[in-house]
Protein backbone atom coordinates (compact mmCIF):
# COMPACT_ATOMS: atom_id res chain seq x y z
CA MET A 1 -5.39 13.52 3.11
CA PRO A 2 -3.28 10.43 2.41
CA ALA A 3 0.48 10.69 2.48
CA ASN A 4 2.24 11.44 -0.80
CA LEU A 5 2.90 7.93 -2.13
CA ASP A 6 4.76 9.27 -5.17
CA ALA A 7 7.26 11.20 -3.02
CA GLN A 8 7.73 8.23 -0.69
CA VAL A 9 8.45 5.84 -3.58
CA VAL A 10 10.98 8.29 -5.07
CA GLU A 11 12.67 8.71 -1.68
CA LEU A 12 12.79 4.95 -1.11
CA PHE A 13 14.20 4.08 -4.52
CA ASN A 14 16.75 6.91 -4.43
CA ARG A 15 18.33 5.00 -1.52
CA VAL A 16 18.73 1.64 -3.25
CA ASN A 17 20.63 0.27 -6.23
CA LYS A 18 19.36 1.64 -9.56
CA ASP A 19 20.71 -1.22 -11.72
CA LEU A 20 17.63 -2.66 -13.43
CA ALA A 21 19.48 -5.89 -14.32
CA LEU A 22 20.09 -6.45 -10.61
CA TRP A 23 16.40 -5.83 -9.89
CA GLU A 24 15.45 -8.33 -12.61
CA SER A 25 17.65 -10.92 -10.92
CA LEU A 26 16.19 -10.13 -7.49
CA THR A 27 12.59 -10.38 -8.65
CA ARG A 28 13.31 -13.61 -10.50
CA ASP A 29 14.71 -15.19 -7.33
CA TYR A 30 12.54 -13.48 -4.70
CA ASP A 31 8.98 -12.29 -4.24
CA VAL A 32 9.39 -8.50 -4.12
CA ASP A 33 6.48 -6.22 -3.35
CA LEU A 34 5.66 -2.79 -1.96
CA PHE A 35 2.82 -2.90 0.54
CA CYS A 36 0.94 0.32 1.38
CA GLY A 37 -1.67 0.98 4.04
CA PHE A 38 -4.00 3.95 3.60
CA PHE A 39 -6.15 5.20 6.47
CA MET A 40 -8.79 7.51 5.06
CA THR A 41 -10.73 10.04 7.09
CA GLU A 42 -13.70 10.03 4.71
CA THR A 43 -15.41 7.15 2.95
CA ASP A 44 -15.07 8.76 -0.48
CA GLU A 45 -11.46 9.92 -0.50
CA GLY A 46 -9.25 9.02 -3.41
CA LEU A 47 -5.59 8.78 -4.17
CA GLU A 48 -3.55 8.85 -7.31
CA ILE A 49 -0.35 7.15 -8.31
CA SER A 50 1.66 8.95 -10.97
CA ALA A 51 2.89 7.34 -14.16
CA GLU A 52 6.46 8.00 -12.94
CA THR A 53 5.85 6.02 -9.75
CA MET A 54 4.29 3.17 -11.69
CA ARG A 55 7.30 3.21 -14.05
CA ILE A 56 9.78 3.07 -11.14
CA LEU A 57 7.98 0.02 -9.76
CA SER A 58 7.29 -1.73 -13.07
CA ASP A 59 10.88 -1.25 -14.32
CA ARG A 60 11.94 -3.19 -11.23
CA ARG A 61 9.09 -5.74 -11.57
CA ILE A 62 7.77 -4.81 -8.15
CA LYS A 63 4.12 -5.55 -7.46
CA VAL A 64 2.10 -3.24 -5.20
CA GLY A 65 -0.38 -4.23 -2.52
CA PHE A 66 -2.85 -1.87 -0.87
CA CYS A 67 -4.81 -2.04 2.34
CA ILE A 68 -7.36 0.80 2.32
CA TYR A 69 -9.40 1.69 5.38
CA ALA A 70 -12.18 4.24 5.50
CA PRO A 71 -14.35 5.03 8.51
CA LEU A 72 -17.74 3.39 8.71
CA GLU A 73 -20.76 5.72 8.71
CA ASP A 74 -21.35 5.31 12.45
CA GLU A 75 -17.69 4.96 13.43
CA PRO A 76 -15.88 7.86 15.10
CA LYS A 77 -12.71 9.05 13.39
CA VAL A 78 -9.62 7.40 14.84
CA GLU A 79 -5.88 7.76 14.55
CA GLN A 80 -3.90 5.34 12.41
CA SER A 81 -3.81 1.77 13.60
CA GLY A 82 -2.11 -1.36 12.30
CA CYS A 83 -2.70 -2.56 8.76
CA THR A 84 -2.30 -6.20 7.90
CA GLU A 85 -0.96 -7.67 4.71
CA PRO A 86 -3.31 -9.58 2.41
CA GLY A 87 -3.97 -13.05 3.76
CA ASP A 88 -3.07 -12.09 7.34
CA SER A 89 -5.79 -13.12 9.76
CA ALA A 90 -5.36 -10.09 12.03
CA SER A 91 -7.78 -7.22 11.67
CA VAL A 92 -7.73 -3.53 12.41
CA PRO A 93 -8.66 -2.96 16.06
CA GLY A 94 -12.33 -2.10 16.45
CA ARG A 95 -13.36 -3.63 13.15
CA GLU A 96 -14.42 -7.18 12.53
CA ARG A 97 -14.36 -8.83 9.16
CA VAL A 98 -17.81 -9.88 8.06
CA ALA A 99 -18.50 -12.34 5.30
CA PRO A 100 -20.73 -11.08 2.49
CA GLY A 101 -24.41 -11.55 3.27
CA GLN A 102 -23.99 -11.33 7.04
C-alpha cells in the first residue's frame, strides 16, 4: 500500500510558513513543485489525494508531479529504488524505457 500522501503533505506544510501572500510571492519568482514517487506492488493499485491536500497545495500555487511504478507481469517484486523527475534521462534500475511501438 502506498504511503499516506495526505498525512505527509500536512506534516510538511505544518513545518513551513503559512502566509499565503508569501507563497504567492515565492511561486511568482520561483518554480515550486512537490514531486512524489510511488512504487506499487500490484499493477492495478490506486491512490487518492484528498480535497484538503489539494487545497493546501493549490492555495500555495504548488504544482504536483508523480512518478508511478508498478511491477511488470513477469517482473519479481522488488524493494523501492530511485525515482527520477520528469525529463531526467535516468531510469529505474532493471527497467529500460521503450518507445511506443517497440
